[in-house]
Structure formats: C-alpha cells, structure tokens
Amino acid sequence: MSHSLTNTRVIVQAARGLLFFVVFAGVTSASQIGVSPMRVTLSDSQKIGSLSVRNAGAEPVTMQMEVLSWSQAEGKDILTPSRDLLANPPIFTIPAGSSQMIRAGLRRAPDAQRELTYRVILQELPTTQNPDFIGTRMLMRISLPVFVLPEVDANPVLLWQAARTPQGALKISLGNNGNAHIKIKNFKLSLLYSAQPWVTTLQSSDYVLAGQSRGWILPVNAENPTPPSGATLQLVAQTDAGDFEVELLIAP
C-alpha cells in the first residue's frame, strides 16, 4: 500500500535508539547529553509527562524540540509533524553540568481502542565556534518515544513465524495484532526434537507498533547451518512487556 507524500514533510528513520552519535575520522565528538526517563507514557488521567535533559559536557548546549507522529509501514518507522502534543520549552540552552526539565502535554483525547504513538525529537543547534577550531562538529539528535494509552486495556498480541528465504537464510517474522506496541530486546532460538544441537541469539531494540509487523533475517552460517524446513524451533524473546516463549515450525 502506498501513500502520496506530496507537500508533506515525512521523515523516515530507524528509531532504534534513544540517542545516537555520528562520528567520522577528524570530527569532534558529540555533546554529552543524557535524558531520563527514556520514554513517556500518557493517558486520559495523565496528560502531562516530564523529562530531565542533563548536559554532562564542558560547554553549554542549545537544543530545539519537535513533536512527530510515529507510525510504521513495511517494517520502517515513519515520522510526520504533529500538533497532538505540546512540548515545552521548544528551544532551551543547558549550561555545562546542569539540567533542563521539559514537559510534553496531550492536546487531544486518547484513542478509544488503540495506543497512539509519537516521538519527541531533541536536536542540538550549532553554536559559534572558536576561531582556532579546525574540523567538523557533528550535532546530537535524540529521539524519544511517547505512548498514549487508549481508553480500553492496551496489550500487544503477537504472532511469530519462521521461514527459510530463497538464499537459505532463516527469517523470523513478528506480527502485532494487539492495540499496543511491543519492543523486542533480544531473542534466542534453539532446535527442538533433534539430536543435532542448534542455538542462535539475536540482539534487537526494535519496536513493533499496534497492527504492524517486522522481520529479522539470520544470515547463513556454515559452522551453524540453518535448520531445514519442517523443523521446530523454540523462541524465547525478551521484551518490554515481559518474556515470551513459543514453538515455531519452519515454513518452506
């Protein structure tokens, strides 16, 4: 399914971490900024959330906030500008060794049936450089998830699948048929009902939003070959909603 994006500013990003750094050879390191907590959960009874942004660096840092609606399509995150949340202050400067409290407030009613998802983007703004400075300074960008609980109980409903790709790799797919997100931290796969041991693990920090799906492909490993179609796997996943354990039959 495709959507026209004409005249709409759409940002597509991986959103796999809450803060990240872009570092190249000869480029100065990014500012030392920490945020707590790492995400915000709002509801009809909790319409305002707070975040503390701390500057552990030796220089003041100026940051600008932007609120984006967060959706997913074909396993990718899509961010679009939104006025559903009000984040204050929109621009602020944090002195070295100090912190700034920011607040995100809900400006609309929660959805009756499904969790709403947003991201607050904190973008470091450029400052006047020392005239003796030589090189390039990369600016920090922090992406924070915001979840708005629906009026009904919110839970993910997970459907795991396993299949071999035409190249012989193993693909693990997860569909979330619930009304709330799930964050996969890691999962472990082992082969059941076989005398030949096979175990593999995969680290992850991926979100699967309500009604969406995502897949992971485990590459072919000559020393630890992918089990054949028809074999049964045990999958143990660690998530932000607890641990899940399922048995999967590998489809052709």
C-alpha atoms as a PDB file:
ATOM      1  CA  MET A   1       0.000   0.000   0.000  1.00  0.00           C
ATOM      2  CA  SER A   2       1.410   3.392  -0.958  1.00  0.00           C
ATOM      3  CA  HIS A   3       0.528   6.887   0.148  1.00  0.00           C
ATOM      4  CA  SER A   4       1.161  10.173  -1.655  1.00  0.00           C
ATOM      5  CA  LEU A   5       3.676  12.239   0.261  1.00  0.00           C
ATOM      6  CA  THR A   6       3.388  15.345  -1.918  1.00  0.00           C
ATOM      7  CA  ASN A   7       3.728  18.589   0.024  1.00  0.00           C
ATOM      8  CA  THR A   8       4.095  16.631   3.254  1.00  0.00           C
ATOM      9  CA  ARG A   9       7.355  16.567   5.112  1.00  0.00           C
ATOM     10  CA  VAL A  10       7.906  12.976   6.073  1.00  0.00           C
ATOM     11  CA  ILE A  11      10.914  11.720   7.940  1.00  0.00           C
ATOM     12  CA  VAL A  12      11.774   8.044   7.781  1.00  0.00           C
ATOM     13  CA  GLN A  13      14.302   6.776  10.287  1.00  0.00           C
ATOM     14  CA  ALA A  14      15.304   3.589  12.055  1.00  0.00           C
ATOM     15  CA  ALA A  15      14.491   4.903  15.545  1.00  0.00           C
ATOM     16  CA  ARG A  16      16.387   2.006  17.096  1.00  0.00           C
ATOM     17  CA  GLY A  17      17.958   4.004  19.910  1.00  0.00           C
ATOM     18  CA  LEU A  18      17.088   6.900  22.132  1.00  0.00           C
ATOM     19  CA  LEU A  19      20.256   8.764  21.347  1.00  0.00           C
ATOM     20  CA  PHE A  20      22.958   8.181  18.811  1.00  0.00           C
ATOM     21  CA  PHE A  21      26.163   9.754  17.597  1.00  0.00           C
ATOM     22  CA  VAL A  22      27.564  10.197  14.100  1.00  0.00           C
ATOM     23  CA  VAL A  23      31.324  10.049  14.248  1.00  0.00           C
ATOM     24  CA  PHE A  24      33.804  10.295  11.382  1.00  0.00           C
ATOM     25  CA  ALA A  25      37.566  10.476  11.389  1.00  0.00           C
ATOM     26  CA  GLY A  26      38.688  14.017  12.174  1.00  0.00           C
ATOM     27  CA  VAL A  27      35.273  15.012  13.550  1.00  0.00           C
ATOM     28  CA  THR A  28      34.823  16.218  17.124  1.00  0.00           C
ATOM     29  CA  SER A  29      32.729  14.078  19.448  1.00  0.00           C
ATOM     30  CA  ALA A  30      29.092  14.915  20.104  1.00  0.00           C
ATOM     31  CA  SER A  31      27.877  16.633  23.268  1.00  0.00           C
ATOM     32  CA  GLN A  32      27.394  14.598  26.417  1.00  0.00           C
ATOM     33  CA  ILE A  33      23.635  14.714  26.854  1.00  0.00           C
ATOM     34  CA  GLY A  34      21.554  12.306  28.932  1.00  0.00           C
ATOM     35  CA  VAL A  35      17.774  12.024  29.172  1.00  0.00           C
ATOM     36  CA  SER A  36      15.646  10.481  31.934  1.00  0.00           C
ATOM     37  CA  PRO A  37      13.250   8.738  31.698  1.00  0.00           C
ATOM     38  CA  MET A  38      13.868   7.300  28.244  1.00  0.00           C
ATOM     39  CA  ARG A  39      10.219   7.404  27.194  1.00  0.00           C
ATOM     40  CA  VAL A  40       6.904   8.965  28.207  1.00  0.00           C
ATOM     41  CA  THR A  41       3.539   7.264  28.707  1.00  0.00           C
ATOM     42  CA  LEU A  42       0.421   9.457  28.745  1.00  0.00           C
ATOM     43  CA  SER A  43      -3.267   8.699  29.230  1.00  0.00           C
ATOM     44  CA  ASP A  44      -6.577  10.416  29.836  1.00  0.00           C
ATOM     45  CA  SER A  45      -5.686  10.594  33.542  1.00  0.00           C
ATOM     46  CA  GLN A  46      -2.018  11.506  32.944  1.00  0.00           C
ATOM     47  CA  LYS A  47      -1.963  14.144  30.215  1.00  0.00           C
ATOM     48  CA  ILE A  48       1.419  15.667  31.034  1.00  0.00           C
ATOM     49  CA  GLY A  49       4.784  13.911  31.230  1.00  0.00           C
ATOM     50  CA  SER A  50       8.206  15.257  32.293  1.00  0.00           C
ATOM     51  CA  LEU A  51      11.736  14.592  31.096  1.00  0.00           C
ATOM     52  CA  SER A  52      15.051  15.702  32.524  1.00  0.00           C
ATOM     53  CA  VAL A  53      17.780  16.551  29.998  1.00  0.00           C
ATOM     54  CA  ARG A  54      21.272  16.780  31.513  1.00  0.00           C
ATOM     55  CA  ASN A  55      24.390  18.274  29.967  1.00  0.00           C
ATOM     56  CA  ALA A  56      27.441  16.423  31.290  1.00  0.00           C
ATOM     57  CA  GLY A  57      29.764  18.211  28.891  1.00  0.00           C
ATOM     58  CA  ALA A  58      32.095  21.147  29.444  1.00  0.00           C
ATOM     59  CA  GLU A  59      30.201  23.608  27.224  1.00  0.00           C
ATOM     60  CA  PRO A  60      26.614  24.884  27.132  1.00  0.00           C
ATOM     61  CA  VAL A  61      24.303  23.148  24.665  1.00  0.00           C
ATOM     62  CA  THR A  62      21.274  24.642  22.916  1.00  0.00           C
ATOM     63  CA  MET A  63      18.550  22.261  21.786  1.00  0.00           C
ATOM     64  CA  GLN A  64      15.310  22.511  19.851  1.00  0.00           C
ATOM     65  CA  MET A  65      12.295  20.206  20.301  1.00  0.00           C
ATOM     66  CA  GLU A  66       9.942  18.859  17.667  1.00  0.00           C
ATOM     67  CA  VAL A  67       6.905  16.593  18.086  1.00  0.00           C
ATOM     68  CA  LEU A  68       6.254  13.963  15.418  1.00  0.00           C
ATOM     69  CA  SER A  69       3.522  11.399  14.926  1.00  0.00           C
ATOM     70  CA  TRP A  70       5.053   7.902  14.741  1.00  0.00           C
ATOM     71  CA  SER A  71       3.711   5.152  12.515  1.00  0.00           C
ATOM     72  CA  GLN A  72       5.179   2.178  10.668  1.00  0.00           C
ATOM     73  CA  ALA A  73       4.868   0.727   7.185  1.00  0.00           C
ATOM     74  CA  GLU A  74       6.640  -2.328   5.736  1.00  0.00           C
ATOM     75  CA  GLY A  75       8.888  -2.576   8.789  1.00  0.00           C
ATOM     76  CA  LYS A  76      10.055   1.051   8.618  1.00  0.00           C
ATOM     77  CA  ASP A  77       9.340   3.915  11.004  1.00  0.00           C
ATOM     78  CA  ILE A  78       7.579   6.963   9.566  1.00  0.00           C
ATOM     79  CA  LEU A  79       7.563  10.291  11.397  1.00  0.00           C
ATOM     80  CA  THR A  80       5.332  13.220  10.416  1.00  0.00           C
ATOM     81  CA  PRO A  81       4.827  16.611  12.116  1.00  0.00           C
ATOM     82  CA  SER A  82       2.009  16.641  14.669  1.00  0.00           C
ATOM     83  CA  ARG A  83       0.201  19.129  16.908  1.00  0.00           C
ATOM     84  CA  ASP A  84      -1.293  16.419  19.121  1.00  0.00           C
ATOM     85  CA  LEU A  85       1.374  17.050  21.781  1.00  0.00           C
ATOM     86  CA  LEU A  86       2.703  20.294  23.159  1.00  0.00           C
ATOM     87  CA  ALA A  87       6.352  20.150  24.253  1.00  0.00           C
ATOM     88  CA  ASN A  88       7.881  22.992  26.304  1.00  0.00           C
ATOM     89  CA  PRO A  89      10.210  24.763  26.191  1.00  0.00           C
ATOM     90  CA  PRO A  90      10.589  24.446  22.377  1.00  0.00           C
ATOM     91  CA  ILE A  91      14.164  25.839  22.477  1.00  0.00           C
ATOM     92  CA  PHE A  92      16.438  25.845  25.510  1.00  0.00           C
ATOM     93  CA  THR A  93      20.098  26.154  26.497  1.00  0.00           C
ATOM     94  CA  ILE A  94      21.602  23.878  29.148  1.00  0.00           C
ATOM     95  CA  PRO A  95      24.751  25.198  30.864  1.00  0.00           C
ATOM     96  CA  ALA A  96      27.619  22.783  31.379  1.00  0.00           C
ATOM     97  CA  GLY A  97      26.927  20.420  34.274  1.00  0.00           C
ATOM     98  CA  SER A  98      23.274  21.455  34.509  1.00  0.00           C
ATOM     99  CA  SER A  99      19.919  20.000  33.535  1.00  0.00           C
ATOM    100  CA  GLN A 100      16.657  21.197  31.967  1.00  0.00           C
ATOM    101  CA  MET A 101      13.172  19.909  32.732  1.00  0.00           C
ATOM    102  CA  ILE A 102      10.917  19.594  29.689  1.00  0.00           C
ATOM    103  CA  ARG A 103       7.239  18.660  29.589  1.00  0.00           C
ATOM    104  CA  ALA A 104       5.080  17.005  26.957  1.00  0.00           C
ATOM    105  CA  GLY A 105       1.340  17.566  27.211  1.00  0.00           C
ATOM    106  CA  LEU A 106      -1.510  15.843  25.397  1.00  0.00           C
ATOM    107  CA  ARG A 107      -3.683  18.218  23.346  1.00  0.00           C
ATOM    108  CA  ARG A 108      -6.226  15.660  22.128  1.00  0.00           C
ATOM    109  CA  ALA A 109      -8.275  12.879  23.636  1.00  0.00           C
ATOM    110  CA  PRO A 110      -6.734   9.384  23.653  1.00  0.00           C
ATOM    111  CA  ASP A 111      -7.994   6.962  21.036  1.00  0.00           C
ATOM    112  CA  ALA A 112     -10.821   4.790  22.321  1.00  0.00           C
ATOM    113  CA  GLN A 113      -9.346   1.479  21.129  1.00  0.00           C
ATOM    114  CA  ARG A 114      -5.665   1.800  20.159  1.00  0.00           C
ATOM    115  CA  GLU A 115      -2.469   3.217  21.602  1.00  0.00           C
ATOM    116  CA  LEU A 116      -1.249   6.438  19.963  1.00  0.00           C
ATOM    117  CA  THR A 117       2.473   6.785  19.291  1.00  0.00           C
ATOM    118  CA  TYR A 118       4.682   9.835  18.893  1.00  0.00           C
ATOM    119  CA  ARG A 119       8.325  10.823  19.100  1.00  0.00           C
ATOM    120  CA  VAL A 120       9.839  13.933  20.634  1.00  0.00           C
ATOM    121  CA  ILE A 121      12.990  14.915  18.750  1.00  0.00           C
ATOM    122  CA  LEU A 122      15.691  16.890  20.553  1.00  0.00           C
ATOM    123  CA  GLN A 123      18.045  18.464  18.024  1.00  0.00           C
ATOM    124  CA  GLU A 124      21.239  20.188  19.108  1.00  0.00           C
ATOM    125  CA  LEU A 125      21.653  23.587  17.462  1.00  0.00           C
ATOM    126  CA  PRO A 126      25.003  24.873  16.177  1.00  0.00           C
ATOM    127  CA  THR A 127      26.915  27.372  18.280  1.00  0.00           C
ATOM    128  CA  THR A 128      29.615  29.892  17.453  1.00  0.00           C
ATOM    129  CA  GLN A 129      32.881  28.024  17.050  1.00  0.00           C
ATOM    130  CA  ASN A 130      36.224  29.067  18.436  1.00  0.00           C
ATOM    131  CA  PRO A 131      38.064  30.808  15.567  1.00  0.00           C
ATOM    132  CA  ASP A 132      41.018  28.490  16.185  1.00  0.00           C
ATOM    133  CA  PHE A 133      38.837  25.366  15.773  1.00  0.00           C
ATOM    134  CA  ILE A 134      39.711  23.168  12.788  1.00  0.00           C
ATOM    135  CA  GLY A 135      37.416  20.341  11.705  1.00  0.00           C
ATOM    136  CA  THR A 136      33.727  19.487  11.741  1.00  0.00           C
ATOM    137  CA  ARG A 137      31.459  19.134  14.739  1.00  0.00           C
ATOM    138  CA  MET A 138      28.508  16.733  14.486  1.00  0.00           C
ATOM    139  CA  LEU A 139      25.324  17.750  16.284  1.00  0.00           C
ATOM    140  CA  MET A 140      23.378  15.387  18.536  1.00  0.00           C
ATOM    141  CA  ARG A 141      19.849  14.243  17.705  1.00  0.00           C
ATOM    142  CA  ILE A 142      17.812  12.393  20.345  1.00  0.00           C
ATOM    143  CA  SER A 143      14.568  10.552  19.571  1.00  0.00           C
ATOM    144  CA  LEU A 144      12.241   9.790  22.497  1.00  0.00           C
ATOM    145  CA  PRO A 145       9.098   7.649  22.185  1.00  0.00           C
ATOM    146  CA  VAL A 146       5.793   8.868  23.619  1.00  0.00           C
ATOM    147  CA  PHE A 147       2.884   6.437  24.080  1.00  0.00           C
ATOM    148  CA  VAL A 148      -0.716   7.468  24.742  1.00  0.00           C
ATOM    149  CA  LEU A 149      -2.808   4.693  26.271  1.00  0.00           C
ATOM    150  CA  PRO A 150      -6.290   4.069  24.848  1.00  0.00           C
ATOM    151  CA  GLU A 151      -9.457   4.097  26.922  1.00  0.00           C
ATOM    152  CA  VAL A 152      -9.551   0.277  26.971  1.00  0.00           C
ATOM    153  CA  ASP A 153      -6.834  -2.084  28.223  1.00  0.00           C
ATOM    154  CA  ALA A 154      -3.767  -1.963  25.970  1.00  0.00           C
ATOM    155  CA  ASN A 155      -1.768  -5.103  25.171  1.00  0.00           C
ATOM    156  CA  PRO A 156       0.262  -6.450  22.255  1.00  0.00           C
ATOM    157  CA  VAL A 157      -0.944  -9.684  20.630  1.00  0.00           C
ATOM    158  CA  LEU A 158       1.995 -11.421  18.978  1.00  0.00           C
ATOM    159  CA  LEU A 159       2.151 -13.815  16.041  1.00  0.00           C
ATOM    160  CA  TRP A 160       5.593 -15.289  15.403  1.00  0.00           C
ATOM    161  CA  GLN A 161       6.555 -17.093  12.183  1.00  0.00           C
ATOM    162  CA  ALA A 162       9.715 -18.742  10.845  1.00  0.00           C
ATOM    163  CA  ALA A 163      10.612 -19.482   7.229  1.00  0.00           C
ATOM    164  CA  ARG A 164      13.634 -20.109   5.021  1.00  0.00           C
ATOM    165  CA  THR A 165      14.486 -17.494   2.418  1.00  0.00           C
ATOM    166  CA  PRO A 166      15.385 -18.453  -1.181  1.00  0.00           C
ATOM    167  CA  GLN A 167      19.026 -17.859  -0.220  1.00  0.00           C
ATOM    168  CA  GLY A 168      18.793 -20.418   2.592  1.00  0.00           C
ATOM    169  CA  ALA A 169      18.743 -17.957   5.492  1.00  0.00           C
ATOM    170  CA  LEU A 170      16.221 -18.085   8.321  1.00  0.00           C
ATOM    171  CA  LYS A 171      13.654 -15.278   8.572  1.00  0.00           C
ATOM    172  CA  ILE A 172      11.787 -14.639  11.808  1.00  0.00           C
ATOM    173  CA  SER A 173       8.646 -12.513  11.424  1.00  0.00           C
ATOM    174  CA  LEU A 174       6.524 -10.903  14.112  1.00  0.00           C
ATOM    175  CA  GLY A 175       3.038  -9.501  13.635  1.00  0.00           C
ATOM    176  CA  ASN A 176       1.466  -7.421  16.389  1.00  0.00           C
ATOM    177  CA  ASN A 177      -2.305  -7.834  16.235  1.00  0.00           C
ATOM    178  CA  GLY A 178      -2.889  -6.085  19.549  1.00  0.00           C
ATOM    179  CA  ASN A 179      -3.678  -2.469  20.381  1.00  0.00           C
ATOM    180  CA  ALA A 180      -0.319  -1.540  21.957  1.00  0.00           C
ATOM    181  CA  HIS A 181       3.352  -1.591  20.943  1.00  0.00           C
ATOM    182  CA  ILE A 182       5.979  -4.186  21.778  1.00  0.00           C
ATOM    183  CA  LYS A 183       9.750  -3.609  21.976  1.00  0.00           C
ATOM    184  CA  ILE A 184      11.913  -6.642  21.209  1.00  0.00           C
ATOM    185  CA  LYS A 185      15.148  -6.542  23.196  1.00  0.00           C
ATOM    186  CA  ASN A 186      16.564  -9.881  22.050  1.00  0.00           C
ATOM    187  CA  PHE A 187      15.518 -13.412  21.252  1.00  0.00           C
ATOM    188  CA  LYS A 188      17.090 -16.845  21.416  1.00  0.00           C
ATOM    189  CA  LEU A 189      16.330 -19.689  19.018  1.00  0.00           C
ATOM    190  CA  SER A 190      17.045 -23.349  19.601  1.00  0.00           C
ATOM    191  CA  LEU A 191      16.206 -26.509  17.661  1.00  0.00           C
ATOM    192  CA  LEU A 192      13.741 -28.913  19.274  1.00  0.00           C
ATOM    193  CA  TYR A 193      13.289 -32.667  18.804  1.00  0.00           C
ATOM    194  CA  SER A 194      16.687 -33.116  17.156  1.00  0.00           C
ATOM    195  CA  ALA A 195      19.907 -34.840  18.153  1.00  0.00           C
ATOM    196  CA  GLN A 196      21.844 -32.092  16.371  1.00  0.00           C
ATOM    197  CA  PRO A 197      22.202 -29.032  18.625  1.00  0.00           C
ATOM    198  CA  TRP A 198      21.463 -25.626  17.146  1.00  0.00           C
ATOM    199  CA  VAL A 199      21.227 -22.393  19.089  1.00  0.00           C
ATOM    200  CA  THR A 200      21.458 -18.779  17.972  1.00  0.00           C
ATOM    201  CA  THR A 201      20.671 -15.399  19.532  1.00  0.00           C
ATOM    202  CA  LEU A 202      19.843 -12.007  18.063  1.00  0.00           C
ATOM    203  CA  GLN A 203      20.080  -8.668  19.818  1.00  0.00           C
ATOM    204  CA  SER A 204      17.415  -6.128  18.935  1.00  0.00           C
ATOM    205  CA  SER A 205      15.964  -2.794  20.004  1.00  0.00           C
ATOM    206  CA  ASP A 206      13.093  -2.779  17.526  1.00  0.00           C
ATOM    207  CA  TYR A 207       9.573  -1.594  18.226  1.00  0.00           C
ATOM    208  CA  VAL A 208       6.578  -3.201  16.541  1.00  0.00           C
ATOM    209  CA  LEU A 209       3.612  -0.867  16.831  1.00  0.00           C
ATOM    210  CA  ALA A 210      -0.018  -1.981  17.090  1.00  0.00           C
ATOM    211  CA  GLY A 211      -1.243  -3.545  13.858  1.00  0.00           C
ATOM    212  CA  GLN A 212       2.257  -3.661  12.347  1.00  0.00           C
ATOM    213  CA  SER A 213       4.886  -6.319  11.628  1.00  0.00           C
ATOM    214  CA  ARG A 214       8.657  -6.646  11.386  1.00  0.00           C
ATOM    215  CA  GLY A 215      11.081  -9.310  10.238  1.00  0.00           C
ATOM    216  CA  TRP A 216      14.658 -10.333  11.083  1.00  0.00           C
ATOM    217  CA  ILE A 217      16.870 -12.388   8.769  1.00  0.00           C
ATOM    218  CA  LEU A 218      19.561 -14.570  10.310  1.00  0.00           C
ATOM    219  CA  PRO A 219      22.382 -14.963   7.764  1.00  0.00           C
ATOM    220  CA  VAL A 220      23.599 -18.336   6.585  1.00  0.00           C
ATOM    221  CA  ASN A 221      26.335 -19.694   8.850  1.00  0.00           C
ATOM    222  CA  ALA A 222      28.431 -22.575   7.530  1.00  0.00           C
ATOM    223  CA  GLU A 223      29.532 -23.545  11.049  1.00  0.00           C
ATOM    224  CA  ASN A 224      25.970 -23.463  12.398  1.00  0.00           C
ATOM    225  CA  PRO A 225      23.693 -24.297   9.409  1.00  0.00           C
ATOM    226  CA  THR A 226      20.098 -23.132   9.360  1.00  0.00           C
ATOM    227  CA  PRO A 227      17.683 -25.945  10.320  1.00  0.00           C
ATOM    228  CA  PRO A 228      15.652 -27.332   7.392  1.00  0.00           C
ATOM    229  CA  SER A 229      12.024 -26.573   6.566  1.00  0.00           C
ATOM    230  CA  GLY A 230       9.678 -28.550   8.779  1.00  0.00           C
ATOM    231  CA  ALA A 231      11.963 -28.387  11.810  1.00  0.00           C
ATOM    232  CA  THR A 232      10.599 -26.997  15.086  1.00  0.00           C
ATOM    233  CA  LEU A 233      12.251 -24.088  16.861  1.00  0.00           C
ATOM    234  CA  GLN A 234      11.857 -22.801  20.379  1.00  0.00           C
ATOM    235  CA  LEU A 235      11.917 -18.996  20.519  1.00  0.00           C
ATOM    236  CA  VAL A 236      12.435 -17.122  23.787  1.00  0.00           C
ATOM    237  CA  ALA A 237      12.063 -13.344  23.426  1.00  0.00           C
ATOM    238  CA  GLN A 238      12.799 -10.631  25.971  1.00  0.00           C
ATOM    239  CA  THR A 239      10.545  -7.604  25.522  1.00  0.00           C
ATOM    240  CA  ASP A 240       9.351  -4.522  27.375  1.00  0.00           C
ATOM    241  CA  ALA A 241       6.111  -6.435  28.029  1.00  0.00           C
ATOM    242  CA  GLY A 242       7.858  -9.426  29.598  1.00  0.00           C
ATOM    243  CA  ASP A 243       9.374 -12.656  28.266  1.00  0.00           C
ATOM    244  CA  PHE A 244       7.647 -14.758  25.615  1.00  0.00           C
ATOM    245  CA  GLU A 245       8.299 -18.408  24.735  1.00  0.00           C
ATOM    246  CA  VAL A 246       6.806 -20.042  21.636  1.00  0.00           C
ATOM    247  CA  GLU A 247       7.416 -23.020  19.353  1.00  0.00           C
ATOM    248  CA  LEU A 248       7.756 -22.319  15.631  1.00  0.00           C
ATOM    249  CA  LEU A 249       7.568 -24.682  12.680  1.00  0.00           C
ATOM    250  CA  ILE A 250       9.908 -23.540   9.899  1.00  0.00           C
ATOM    251  CA  ALA A 251       7.851 -22.989   6.750  1.00  0.00           C
ATOM    252  CA  PRO A 252       9.367 -23.690   3.300  1.00  0.00           C
END
